[in-house]
Amino acid sequence: MTEWEERKYREVYDTVYATTRYRIMVDPNFTIKDLERLLATLYANEGNDQLGRGVVGDIVSSATIAAHQQVLLEWKRELREKT
């Protein structure tokens, strides 16, 4: 990745990570299943690229998926540790 691509990736990743963690804190109706469904949709959208998203679109998609995956992993770990 070039420097600007890395900056864009980090910007999107950090924003998605923070907003998803915040949603978990403030929305008691948001569940792990909801996050898993969201990820499934993101995976499907990533595969639907017949017209081409371009470099920025690919970066945004990858960073968004990675941030959600990380939050899901941490959330499951936190729940296991509570039990």
Protein backbone atom coordinates (compact mmCIF):
# COMPACT_ATOMS: atom_id res chain seq x y z
CA MET A 1 0.00 0.00 0.00
CA THR A 2 1.10 3.52 -0.64
CA GLU A 3 1.29 6.03 2.18
CA TRP A 4 -2.04 7.67 1.34
CA GLU A 5 -3.71 4.26 1.04
CA GLU A 6 -2.41 3.28 4.48
CA ARG A 7 -3.66 6.57 5.93
CA LYS A 8 -7.10 6.05 4.38
CA TYR A 9 -7.26 2.46 5.62
CA ARG A 10 -6.30 3.50 9.17
CA GLU A 11 -8.78 6.40 9.12
CA VAL A 12 -11.68 4.16 8.08
CA TYR A 13 -10.64 1.31 10.38
CA ASP A 14 -10.34 3.58 13.43
CA THR A 15 -13.68 5.27 12.75
CA VAL A 16 -15.59 2.03 12.17
CA TYR A 17 -13.95 0.38 15.17
CA ALA A 18 -14.77 3.29 17.50
CA THR A 19 -18.35 3.72 16.32
CA THR A 20 -19.08 0.01 16.56
CA ARG A 21 -17.64 -0.22 20.08
CA TYR A 22 -19.69 2.84 21.01
CA ARG A 23 -22.85 1.26 19.61
CA ILE A 24 -22.28 -1.83 21.74
CA MET A 25 -22.04 0.41 24.82
CA VAL A 26 -25.12 2.54 24.15
CA ASP A 27 -27.52 0.20 22.31
CA PRO A 28 -28.61 -2.76 24.42
CA ASN A 29 -30.60 -4.10 21.46
CA PHE A 30 -27.48 -4.45 19.30
CA THR A 31 -26.30 -8.06 19.61
CA ILE A 32 -23.48 -10.25 18.42
CA LYS A 33 -25.92 -11.74 15.92
CA ASP A 34 -26.55 -8.25 14.54
CA LEU A 35 -22.83 -7.70 14.09
CA GLU A 36 -22.43 -11.11 12.46
CA ARG A 37 -25.27 -10.31 10.03
CA LEU A 38 -23.66 -6.97 9.26
CA LEU A 39 -20.39 -8.71 8.50
CA ALA A 40 -22.17 -11.22 6.25
CA THR A 41 -23.62 -8.32 4.29
CA LEU A 42 -20.21 -6.65 4.05
CA TYR A 43 -18.67 -9.90 2.77
CA ALA A 44 -21.39 -10.19 0.12
CA ASN A 45 -20.93 -6.57 -0.93
CA GLU A 46 -17.18 -7.07 -1.17
CA GLY A 47 -17.77 -9.90 -3.62
CA ASN A 48 -20.21 -7.85 -5.70
CA ASP A 49 -17.65 -5.73 -7.50
CA GLN A 50 -18.46 -6.34 -11.16
CA LEU A 51 -18.31 -2.64 -12.03
CA GLY A 52 -15.28 -1.95 -9.86
CA ARG A 53 -15.17 0.17 -6.73
CA GLY A 54 -11.76 1.55 -7.42
CA VAL A 55 -8.84 1.75 -5.03
CA VAL A 56 -10.60 3.93 -2.45
CA GLY A 57 -13.70 1.73 -2.44
CA ASP A 58 -11.58 -1.37 -1.96
CA ILE A 59 -9.70 0.25 0.92
CA VAL A 60 -12.93 1.35 2.60
CA SER A 61 -14.43 -2.12 2.19
CA SER A 62 -11.35 -3.91 3.56
CA ALA A 63 -10.92 -1.57 6.51
CA THR A 64 -14.62 -1.72 7.39
CA ILE A 65 -14.63 -5.51 7.38
CA ALA A 66 -11.39 -5.72 9.38
CA ALA A 67 -12.67 -3.32 12.04
CA HIS A 68 -15.94 -5.21 12.42
CA GLN A 69 -14.08 -8.53 12.61
CA GLN A 70 -11.85 -7.17 15.37
CA VAL A 71 -14.79 -5.83 17.36
CA LEU A 72 -16.61 -9.15 17.02
CA LEU A 73 -13.54 -11.08 18.21
CA GLU A 74 -13.08 -8.78 21.21
CA TRP A 75 -16.78 -8.80 22.08
CA LYS A 76 -16.92 -12.60 22.10
CA ARG A 77 -13.76 -12.75 24.21
CA GLU A 78 -15.20 -10.24 26.70
CA LEU A 79 -18.40 -12.25 27.04
CA ARG A 80 -16.44 -15.49 27.60
CA GLU A 81 -14.37 -13.82 30.30
CA LYS A 82 -17.51 -12.63 32.11
CA THR A 83 -18.85 -16.18 32.42
